[in-house]
């Protein structure tokens, strides 16, 4: 499996009340589980900076990760940026 990092930034339309974010996150999670069974969620973090959330996922098929990112965009009203990640040790071994 390959590792991917999905960065998300909330739009002003994502939620009106910060407490509503829990419902949005649950809806996005349920849709990804239903539509992207090949994507395994490893971790999610709230972050400070240019993005609001970073998700670390694994998948064999990059198209499934692309679809998951589109679900985040559509259901979560977010912008996303997705990157492929290589574990540091494996990267060094490939040099």
N, C-alpha and C. Protein backbone atom coordinates (compact mmCIF):
# COMPACT_ATOMS: atom_id res chain seq x y z
N UNK A 1 0.84 -1.19 0.00
CA UNK A 1 0.00 0.00 0.00
C UNK A 1 0.88 1.24 0.00
N UNK A 2 0.43 2.26 -0.68
CA UNK A 2 1.12 3.55 -0.68
C UNK A 2 0.46 4.48 0.33
N UNK A 3 1.25 5.41 0.81
CA UNK A 3 0.76 6.40 1.77
C UNK A 3 0.50 7.72 1.06
N UNK A 4 -0.59 8.36 1.44
CA UNK A 4 -0.96 9.66 0.88
C UNK A 4 -1.30 10.60 2.03
N UNK A 5 -1.02 11.87 1.81
CA UNK A 5 -1.34 12.92 2.77
C UNK A 5 -2.39 13.82 2.10
N UNK A 6 -3.51 14.03 2.76
CA UNK A 6 -4.55 14.92 2.24
C UNK A 6 -4.65 16.12 3.18
N UNK A 7 -4.34 17.30 2.67
CA UNK A 7 -4.48 18.54 3.42
C UNK A 7 -5.82 19.16 3.04
N UNK A 8 -6.57 19.62 4.03
CA UNK A 8 -7.88 20.24 3.77
C UNK A 8 -7.97 21.60 4.45
N UNK A 9 -8.63 22.52 3.76
CA UNK A 9 -8.88 23.85 4.31
C UNK A 9 -10.38 24.09 4.23
N UNK A 10 -10.98 24.43 5.38
CA UNK A 10 -12.40 24.70 5.42
C UNK A 10 -12.74 25.98 4.67
N UNK A 11 -13.86 25.97 3.97
CA UNK A 11 -14.37 27.19 3.38
C UNK A 11 -15.31 27.84 4.40
N UNK A 12 -15.67 29.10 4.19
CA UNK A 12 -16.63 29.73 5.11
C UNK A 12 -17.98 29.01 5.15
N UNK A 13 -18.28 28.19 4.12
CA UNK A 13 -19.55 27.47 4.05
C UNK A 13 -19.50 26.09 4.71
N UNK A 14 -18.35 25.69 5.21
CA UNK A 14 -18.24 24.35 5.80
C UNK A 14 -19.15 24.19 7.00
N UNK A 15 -19.19 25.20 7.87
CA UNK A 15 -20.07 25.15 9.04
C UNK A 15 -20.35 26.56 9.52
N UNK A 16 -21.50 26.75 10.13
CA UNK A 16 -21.87 28.05 10.68
C UNK A 16 -21.46 28.16 12.15
N UNK A 17 -21.57 27.04 12.86
CA UNK A 17 -21.23 26.97 14.27
C UNK A 17 -20.13 25.91 14.40
N UNK A 18 -19.04 26.19 15.10
CA UNK A 18 -17.97 25.20 15.21
C UNK A 18 -18.44 23.81 15.67
N UNK A 19 -19.47 23.76 16.50
CA UNK A 19 -20.00 22.48 16.94
C UNK A 19 -20.58 21.65 15.81
N UNK A 20 -20.99 22.30 14.72
CA UNK A 20 -21.56 21.60 13.57
C UNK A 20 -20.51 20.81 12.80
N UNK A 21 -19.25 21.10 13.04
CA UNK A 21 -18.18 20.42 12.31
C UNK A 21 -18.20 18.91 12.57
N UNK A 22 -18.60 18.49 13.75
CA UNK A 22 -18.66 17.05 14.06
C UNK A 22 -19.60 16.33 13.09
N UNK A 23 -20.75 16.92 12.81
CA UNK A 23 -21.70 16.31 11.88
C UNK A 23 -21.14 16.25 10.47
N UNK A 24 -20.49 17.32 10.06
CA UNK A 24 -19.89 17.34 8.72
C UNK A 24 -18.81 16.28 8.61
N UNK A 25 -17.94 16.19 9.62
CA UNK A 25 -16.86 15.20 9.60
C UNK A 25 -17.41 13.78 9.55
N UNK A 26 -18.47 13.52 10.29
CA UNK A 26 -19.08 12.19 10.29
C UNK A 26 -19.68 11.86 8.93
N UNK A 27 -20.33 12.83 8.33
CA UNK A 27 -20.93 12.63 7.00
C UNK A 27 -19.86 12.34 5.95
N UNK A 28 -18.76 13.11 5.99
CA UNK A 28 -17.66 12.89 5.05
C UNK A 28 -17.06 11.51 5.27
N UNK A 29 -16.81 11.15 6.52
CA UNK A 29 -16.23 9.84 6.85
C UNK A 29 -17.11 8.70 6.36
N UNK A 30 -18.41 8.80 6.57
CA UNK A 30 -19.33 7.75 6.14
C UNK A 30 -19.34 7.60 4.63
N UNK A 31 -19.30 8.71 3.91
CA UNK A 31 -19.29 8.65 2.44
C UNK A 31 -18.00 8.03 1.92
N UNK A 32 -16.88 8.38 2.53
CA UNK A 32 -15.61 7.80 2.09
C UNK A 32 -15.59 6.30 2.36
N UNK A 33 -16.06 5.88 3.53
CA UNK A 33 -16.11 4.45 3.84
C UNK A 33 -16.98 3.70 2.84
N UNK A 34 -18.09 4.32 2.44
CA UNK A 34 -19.03 3.68 1.52
C UNK A 34 -18.49 3.67 0.08
N UNK A 35 -17.92 4.77 -0.37
CA UNK A 35 -17.53 4.90 -1.77
C UNK A 35 -16.07 4.56 -2.06
N UNK A 36 -15.24 4.50 -1.03
CA UNK A 36 -13.80 4.27 -1.23
C UNK A 36 -13.29 3.17 -0.30
N UNK A 37 -13.79 1.94 -0.46
CA UNK A 37 -13.42 0.88 0.48
C UNK A 37 -11.93 0.55 0.48
N UNK A 38 -11.21 0.91 -0.57
CA UNK A 38 -9.78 0.62 -0.64
C UNK A 38 -8.90 1.64 0.08
N UNK A 39 -9.51 2.67 0.64
CA UNK A 39 -8.74 3.71 1.35
C UNK A 39 -8.78 3.40 2.84
N UNK A 40 -7.59 3.23 3.41
CA UNK A 40 -7.48 2.94 4.85
C UNK A 40 -7.00 4.20 5.56
N UNK A 41 -7.83 4.71 6.46
CA UNK A 41 -7.50 5.92 7.22
C UNK A 41 -6.52 5.57 8.32
N UNK A 42 -5.38 6.25 8.37
CA UNK A 42 -4.38 6.01 9.41
C UNK A 42 -4.53 7.01 10.56
N UNK A 43 -4.54 8.30 10.23
CA UNK A 43 -4.61 9.36 11.25
C UNK A 43 -5.21 10.61 10.63
N UNK A 44 -5.79 11.43 11.49
CA UNK A 44 -6.25 12.77 11.10
C UNK A 44 -5.82 13.73 12.20
N UNK A 45 -5.38 14.91 11.79
CA UNK A 45 -4.93 15.92 12.74
C UNK A 45 -5.53 17.27 12.38
N UNK A 46 -5.97 18.01 13.39
CA UNK A 46 -6.28 19.42 13.22
C UNK A 46 -4.94 20.14 13.29
N UNK A 47 -4.69 21.03 12.34
CA UNK A 47 -3.40 21.71 12.31
C UNK A 47 -3.60 23.21 12.20
N UNK A 48 -2.57 23.94 12.52
CA UNK A 48 -2.60 25.40 12.40
C UNK A 48 -1.69 25.79 11.24
N UNK A 49 -2.13 26.75 10.47
CA UNK A 49 -1.33 27.18 9.33
C UNK A 49 -2.20 27.32 8.11
N UNK A 50 -1.62 27.03 6.97
CA UNK A 50 -2.31 27.19 5.70
C UNK A 50 -3.52 26.27 5.56
N UNK A 51 -3.46 25.09 6.19
CA UNK A 51 -4.55 24.13 6.14
C UNK A 51 -5.13 23.94 7.54
N UNK A 52 -6.34 23.37 7.59
CA UNK A 52 -7.01 23.13 8.87
C UNK A 52 -6.90 21.68 9.34
N UNK A 53 -6.80 20.75 8.37
CA UNK A 53 -6.77 19.32 8.70
C UNK A 53 -5.75 18.63 7.81
N UNK A 54 -5.07 17.64 8.37
CA UNK A 54 -4.23 16.74 7.57
C UNK A 54 -4.67 15.31 7.87
N UNK A 55 -4.92 14.56 6.81
CA UNK A 55 -5.31 13.15 6.92
C UNK A 55 -4.21 12.31 6.30
N UNK A 56 -3.86 11.23 6.97
CA UNK A 56 -2.87 10.29 6.46
C UNK A 56 -3.62 9.01 6.13
N UNK A 57 -3.54 8.61 4.86
CA UNK A 57 -4.29 7.44 4.39
C UNK A 57 -3.36 6.51 3.62
N UNK A 58 -3.80 5.28 3.46
CA UNK A 58 -3.09 4.30 2.64
C UNK A 58 -4.06 3.74 1.62
N UNK A 59 -3.53 3.43 0.44
CA UNK A 59 -4.35 2.83 -0.61
C UNK A 59 -3.45 2.21 -1.66
N UNK A 60 -3.97 1.18 -2.34
CA UNK A 60 -3.27 0.58 -3.46
C UNK A 60 -3.57 1.32 -4.76
N UNK A 61 -4.73 1.97 -4.79
CA UNK A 61 -5.21 2.61 -6.01
C UNK A 61 -5.29 4.12 -5.80
N UNK A 62 -4.44 4.90 -6.48
CA UNK A 62 -4.49 6.35 -6.30
C UNK A 62 -5.83 6.96 -6.71
N UNK A 63 -6.55 6.30 -7.60
CA UNK A 63 -7.86 6.83 -8.01
C UNK A 63 -8.83 6.85 -6.83
N UNK A 64 -8.70 5.90 -5.91
CA UNK A 64 -9.57 5.88 -4.73
C UNK A 64 -9.23 7.05 -3.80
N UNK A 65 -7.96 7.41 -3.72
CA UNK A 65 -7.55 8.56 -2.90
C UNK A 65 -8.07 9.84 -3.54
N UNK A 66 -7.99 9.92 -4.86
CA UNK A 66 -8.53 11.08 -5.57
C UNK A 66 -10.03 11.22 -5.29
N UNK A 67 -10.73 10.09 -5.32
CA UNK A 67 -12.17 10.12 -5.06
C UNK A 67 -12.44 10.56 -3.62
N UNK A 68 -11.66 10.06 -2.67
CA UNK A 68 -11.83 10.46 -1.26
C UNK A 68 -11.62 11.97 -1.13
N UNK A 69 -10.62 12.52 -1.81
CA UNK A 69 -10.38 13.96 -1.76
C UNK A 69 -11.56 14.73 -2.35
N UNK A 70 -12.17 14.21 -3.40
CA UNK A 70 -13.34 14.87 -4.00
C UNK A 70 -14.54 14.81 -3.06
N UNK A 71 -14.66 13.73 -2.31
CA UNK A 71 -15.74 13.64 -1.32
C UNK A 71 -15.52 14.68 -0.22
N UNK A 72 -14.28 14.83 0.22
CA UNK A 72 -13.97 15.86 1.21
C UNK A 72 -14.33 17.24 0.66
N UNK A 73 -13.99 17.48 -0.58
CA UNK A 73 -14.32 18.77 -1.21
C UNK A 73 -15.82 18.98 -1.29
N UNK A 74 -16.53 17.96 -1.77
CA UNK A 74 -17.97 18.11 -2.00
C UNK A 74 -18.80 18.14 -0.73
N UNK A 75 -18.64 17.12 0.10
CA UNK A 75 -19.45 17.02 1.32
C UNK A 75 -18.92 17.90 2.43
N UNK A 76 -17.62 18.15 2.43
CA UNK A 76 -17.02 18.94 3.49
C UNK A 76 -16.86 20.41 3.16
N UNK A 77 -17.17 20.78 1.92
CA UNK A 77 -17.01 22.17 1.47
C UNK A 77 -15.61 22.68 1.81
N UNK A 78 -14.61 21.89 1.39
CA UNK A 78 -13.21 22.22 1.66
C UNK A 78 -12.44 22.29 0.35
N UNK A 79 -11.28 22.88 0.41
CA UNK A 79 -10.31 22.72 -0.66
C UNK A 79 -9.31 21.68 -0.15
N UNK A 80 -8.71 20.92 -1.07
CA UNK A 80 -7.77 19.89 -0.65
C UNK A 80 -6.51 19.95 -1.50
N UNK A 81 -5.44 19.40 -0.94
CA UNK A 81 -4.20 19.18 -1.66
C UNK A 81 -3.70 17.82 -1.21
N UNK A 82 -3.44 16.94 -2.18
CA UNK A 82 -3.06 15.56 -1.86
C UNK A 82 -1.65 15.28 -2.37
N UNK A 83 -0.89 14.58 -1.53
CA UNK A 83 0.50 14.26 -1.89
C UNK A 83 0.78 12.79 -1.59
N UNK A 84 1.59 12.19 -2.43
CA UNK A 84 2.08 10.83 -2.18
C UNK A 84 3.25 10.96 -1.21
N UNK A 85 3.35 10.04 -0.25
CA UNK A 85 4.42 10.10 0.75
C UNK A 85 5.16 8.76 0.80
N UNK A 86 6.47 8.84 0.88
CA UNK A 86 7.31 7.65 1.01
C UNK A 86 7.92 7.65 2.41
N UNK A 87 7.80 6.54 3.14
CA UNK A 87 8.44 6.50 4.46
C UNK A 87 9.94 6.81 4.33
N UNK A 88 10.45 7.58 5.26
CA UNK A 88 11.82 8.08 5.18
C UNK A 88 12.83 6.95 5.01
N UNK A 89 12.69 5.89 5.80
CA UNK A 89 13.63 4.78 5.72
C UNK A 89 13.63 4.15 4.32
N UNK A 90 12.45 3.94 3.76
CA UNK A 90 12.36 3.37 2.41
C UNK A 90 12.97 4.33 1.39
N UNK A 91 12.74 5.62 1.56
CA UNK A 91 13.33 6.61 0.66
C UNK A 91 14.86 6.53 0.70
N UNK A 92 15.44 6.49 1.89
CA UNK A 92 16.90 6.43 2.03
C UNK A 92 17.45 5.14 1.43
N UNK A 93 16.74 4.05 1.59
CA UNK A 93 17.18 2.78 1.02
C UNK A 93 17.18 2.79 -0.50
N UNK A 94 16.33 3.62 -1.08
CA UNK A 94 16.24 3.68 -2.55
C UNK A 94 17.35 4.51 -3.19
N UNK A 95 18.10 5.24 -2.38
CA UNK A 95 19.15 6.12 -2.91
C UNK A 95 20.39 5.34 -3.31
